[in-house]
Amino acid sequence: MLGLTVTMDDRQGVDLVRLLGPAVTVPVHHDDYGVFRSPLSDFVSRHAEADLADTLRLVERGATVDLGKPAGGSSAP
């Protein structure tokens, strides 16, 4: 199918976060296979540059993350 987005780069990811405006953003499936357009670190940096860092929660594979509203500052694994 033409026009179907399968992966996003860091810019597209942050644009989607801005569009949806979630209270918490948890990137997942960022290392499932080798065709991603940019690494998670690029998304994390761009997310911070967009003044959204306090909404970001990172979680290690197999771990859990609290989805409650952030109290400021990002949670990193």
N, C-alpha and C. Protein backbone atom coordinates (compact mmCIF):
# COMPACT_ATOMS: atom_id res chain seq x y z
N MET A 1 0.83 -1.18 0.00
CA MET A 1 0.00 0.00 0.00
C MET A 1 0.87 1.25 0.00
N LEU A 2 0.55 2.16 -0.84
CA LEU A 2 1.27 3.43 -0.87
C LEU A 2 0.74 4.35 0.22
N GLY A 3 1.64 5.09 0.83
CA GLY A 3 1.24 6.04 1.86
C GLY A 3 1.07 5.46 3.24
N LEU A 4 1.35 4.19 3.42
CA LEU A 4 1.23 3.55 4.73
C LEU A 4 2.52 3.76 5.50
N THR A 5 2.45 4.40 6.65
CA THR A 5 3.62 4.60 7.48
C THR A 5 3.81 3.39 8.38
N VAL A 6 4.96 2.75 8.25
CA VAL A 6 5.27 1.58 9.06
C VAL A 6 6.20 1.96 10.19
N THR A 7 7.16 2.82 9.92
CA THR A 7 8.05 3.32 10.95
C THR A 7 8.09 4.84 10.86
N MET A 8 8.42 5.47 11.98
CA MET A 8 8.56 6.92 12.01
C MET A 8 9.97 7.26 12.44
N ASP A 9 10.46 8.40 11.96
CA ASP A 9 11.73 8.89 12.48
C ASP A 9 11.44 9.78 13.67
N ASP A 10 12.49 10.34 14.25
CA ASP A 10 12.32 11.15 15.46
C ASP A 10 11.42 12.36 15.24
N ARG A 11 11.55 13.00 14.11
CA ARG A 11 10.73 14.18 13.81
C ARG A 11 9.25 13.80 13.69
N GLN A 12 8.96 12.72 12.98
CA GLN A 12 7.58 12.28 12.83
C GLN A 12 6.99 11.86 14.18
N GLY A 13 7.81 11.22 15.00
CA GLY A 13 7.34 10.81 16.33
C GLY A 13 6.96 11.99 17.19
N VAL A 14 7.79 13.02 17.20
CA VAL A 14 7.48 14.21 18.00
C VAL A 14 6.29 14.96 17.41
N ASP A 15 6.19 14.99 16.08
CA ASP A 15 5.01 15.62 15.46
C ASP A 15 3.73 14.90 15.89
N LEU A 16 3.77 13.58 15.97
CA LEU A 16 2.60 12.82 16.41
C LEU A 16 2.27 13.10 17.88
N VAL A 17 3.30 13.19 18.71
CA VAL A 17 3.08 13.52 20.13
C VAL A 17 2.42 14.89 20.24
N ARG A 18 2.91 15.85 19.48
CA ARG A 18 2.30 17.20 19.51
C ARG A 18 0.84 17.14 19.06
N LEU A 19 0.56 16.38 18.00
CA LEU A 19 -0.78 16.28 17.47
C LEU A 19 -1.75 15.65 18.47
N LEU A 20 -1.32 14.57 19.11
CA LEU A 20 -2.20 13.83 20.02
C LEU A 20 -2.24 14.43 21.42
N GLY A 21 -1.13 15.04 21.86
CA GLY A 21 -1.07 15.68 23.16
C GLY A 21 -1.29 14.76 24.35
N PRO A 22 -0.65 13.59 24.38
CA PRO A 22 -0.85 12.69 25.51
C PRO A 22 -0.20 13.23 26.78
N ALA A 23 -0.73 12.84 27.94
CA ALA A 23 -0.13 13.23 29.21
C ALA A 23 1.20 12.51 29.41
N VAL A 24 1.32 11.31 28.87
CA VAL A 24 2.52 10.50 29.00
C VAL A 24 2.83 9.86 27.65
N THR A 25 4.09 9.88 27.27
CA THR A 25 4.54 9.22 26.05
C THR A 25 5.51 8.11 26.43
N VAL A 26 5.23 6.89 25.97
CA VAL A 26 6.09 5.73 26.25
C VAL A 26 6.48 5.11 24.91
N PRO A 27 7.69 5.38 24.43
CA PRO A 27 8.12 4.76 23.18
C PRO A 27 8.27 3.25 23.34
N VAL A 28 7.65 2.50 22.46
CA VAL A 28 7.78 1.04 22.45
C VAL A 28 8.03 0.59 21.01
N HIS A 29 8.49 -0.61 20.86
CA HIS A 29 8.79 -1.18 19.54
C HIS A 29 9.84 -0.34 18.80
N HIS A 30 10.75 0.27 19.53
CA HIS A 30 11.78 1.09 18.92
C HIS A 30 13.03 0.29 18.58
N ASP A 31 13.07 -0.98 18.97
CA ASP A 31 14.24 -1.80 18.67
C ASP A 31 13.85 -3.21 18.23
N ASP A 32 12.64 -3.34 17.71
CA ASP A 32 12.14 -4.66 17.34
C ASP A 32 12.81 -5.23 16.09
N TYR A 33 13.19 -4.39 15.18
CA TYR A 33 13.84 -4.84 13.96
C TYR A 33 14.72 -3.73 13.41
N GLY A 34 15.52 -4.05 12.41
CA GLY A 34 16.59 -3.15 11.99
C GLY A 34 16.29 -2.13 10.93
N VAL A 35 15.05 -1.78 10.68
CA VAL A 35 14.76 -0.83 9.60
C VAL A 35 14.22 0.51 10.10
N PHE A 36 14.37 0.78 11.39
CA PHE A 36 13.86 2.04 11.90
C PHE A 36 14.64 3.21 11.29
N ARG A 37 13.96 4.32 11.12
CA ARG A 37 14.54 5.46 10.43
C ARG A 37 15.46 6.30 11.30
N SER A 38 15.34 6.18 12.61
CA SER A 38 16.26 6.85 13.53
C SER A 38 16.19 6.12 14.87
N PRO A 39 17.26 6.22 15.66
CA PRO A 39 17.28 5.51 16.94
C PRO A 39 16.45 6.23 18.00
N LEU A 40 16.14 5.52 19.06
CA LEU A 40 15.38 6.08 20.18
C LEU A 40 16.05 7.34 20.72
N SER A 41 17.37 7.34 20.77
CA SER A 41 18.08 8.50 21.32
C SER A 41 17.76 9.78 20.54
N ASP A 42 17.55 9.68 19.23
CA ASP A 42 17.17 10.85 18.44
C ASP A 42 15.78 11.35 18.85
N PHE A 43 14.85 10.42 19.06
CA PHE A 43 13.51 10.80 19.50
C PHE A 43 13.56 11.46 20.88
N VAL A 44 14.32 10.89 21.78
CA VAL A 44 14.43 11.44 23.14
C VAL A 44 14.98 12.87 23.07
N SER A 45 16.01 13.09 22.27
CA SER A 45 16.59 14.43 22.13
C SER A 45 15.60 15.42 21.53
N ARG A 46 14.95 15.01 20.45
CA ARG A 46 13.99 15.91 19.78
C ARG A 46 12.79 16.18 20.69
N HIS A 47 12.36 15.18 21.43
CA HIS A 47 11.25 15.32 22.36
C HIS A 47 11.60 16.38 23.41
N ALA A 48 12.83 16.35 23.92
CA ALA A 48 13.29 17.35 24.90
C ALA A 48 13.38 18.74 24.27
N GLU A 49 13.91 18.80 23.06
CA GLU A 49 14.02 20.09 22.35
C GLU A 49 12.65 20.72 22.11
N ALA A 50 11.63 19.88 21.98
CA ALA A 50 10.27 20.36 21.74
C ALA A 50 9.57 20.74 23.04
N ASP A 51 10.33 20.77 24.14
CA ASP A 51 9.79 21.12 25.46
C ASP A 51 8.71 20.14 25.92
N LEU A 52 8.93 18.86 25.62
CA LEU A 52 7.99 17.81 25.99
C LEU A 52 8.62 16.80 26.94
N ALA A 53 9.84 17.05 27.39
CA ALA A 53 10.60 16.06 28.16
C ALA A 53 9.88 15.57 29.40
N ASP A 54 9.09 16.42 30.04
CA ASP A 54 8.44 16.00 31.27
C ASP A 54 7.31 15.00 31.05
N THR A 55 6.96 14.72 29.80
CA THR A 55 5.91 13.74 29.51
C THR A 55 6.48 12.39 29.07
N LEU A 56 7.78 12.29 28.92
CA LEU A 56 8.40 11.08 28.37
C LEU A 56 8.72 10.06 29.45
N ARG A 57 8.33 8.83 29.23
CA ARG A 57 8.67 7.72 30.11
C ARG A 57 9.34 6.64 29.26
N LEU A 58 10.54 6.29 29.62
CA LEU A 58 11.24 5.20 28.94
C LEU A 58 11.12 3.95 29.78
N VAL A 59 11.02 2.82 29.12
CA VAL A 59 10.85 1.56 29.82
C VAL A 59 11.70 0.49 29.13
N GLU A 60 12.40 -0.27 29.93
CA GLU A 60 13.20 -1.36 29.39
C GLU A 60 12.30 -2.52 29.01
N ARG A 61 12.72 -3.29 28.02
CA ARG A 61 11.95 -4.44 27.56
C ARG A 61 11.67 -5.37 28.75
N GLY A 62 10.41 -5.74 28.89
CA GLY A 62 9.99 -6.63 29.97
C GLY A 62 9.66 -5.93 31.27
N ALA A 63 9.97 -4.65 31.36
CA ALA A 63 9.69 -3.89 32.59
C ALA A 63 8.31 -3.24 32.49
N THR A 64 7.89 -2.60 33.56
CA THR A 64 6.63 -1.87 33.56
C THR A 64 6.92 -0.39 33.79
N VAL A 65 5.94 0.43 33.50
CA VAL A 65 6.09 1.86 33.70
C VAL A 65 4.79 2.43 34.24
N ASP A 66 4.88 3.36 35.18
CA ASP A 66 3.72 4.03 35.74
C ASP A 66 3.21 5.03 34.71
N LEU A 67 1.95 4.95 34.35
CA LEU A 67 1.38 5.85 33.35
C LEU A 67 0.67 7.04 33.97
N GLY A 68 0.84 7.23 35.29
CA GLY A 68 0.28 8.40 35.94
C GLY A 68 0.91 9.67 35.39
N LYS A 69 0.25 10.79 35.55
CA LYS A 69 0.77 12.06 35.05
C LYS A 69 2.15 12.34 35.64
N PRO A 70 3.10 12.70 34.79
CA PRO A 70 4.46 12.98 35.27
C PRO A 70 4.49 14.13 36.27
N ALA A 71 5.38 14.04 37.21
CA ALA A 71 5.55 15.09 38.21
C ALA A 71 6.73 15.99 37.87
N GLY A 72 7.14 15.97 36.61
CA GLY A 72 8.28 16.77 36.15
C GLY A 72 9.51 15.91 35.97
N GLY A 73 10.19 16.12 34.88
CA GLY A 73 11.38 15.32 34.58
C GLY A 73 11.01 13.99 33.96
N SER A 74 11.81 13.51 33.05
CA SER A 74 11.51 12.24 32.39
C SER A 74 12.00 11.08 33.24
N SER A 75 11.35 9.95 33.05
CA SER A 75 11.76 8.73 33.73
C SER A 75 12.55 7.88 32.77
N ALA A 76 13.76 7.61 33.06
CA ALA A 76 14.61 6.79 32.20
C ALA A 76 14.90 5.48 32.88
N PRO A 77 15.08 4.44 32.07
CA PRO A 77 15.39 3.13 32.66
C PRO A 77 16.73 3.11 33.34
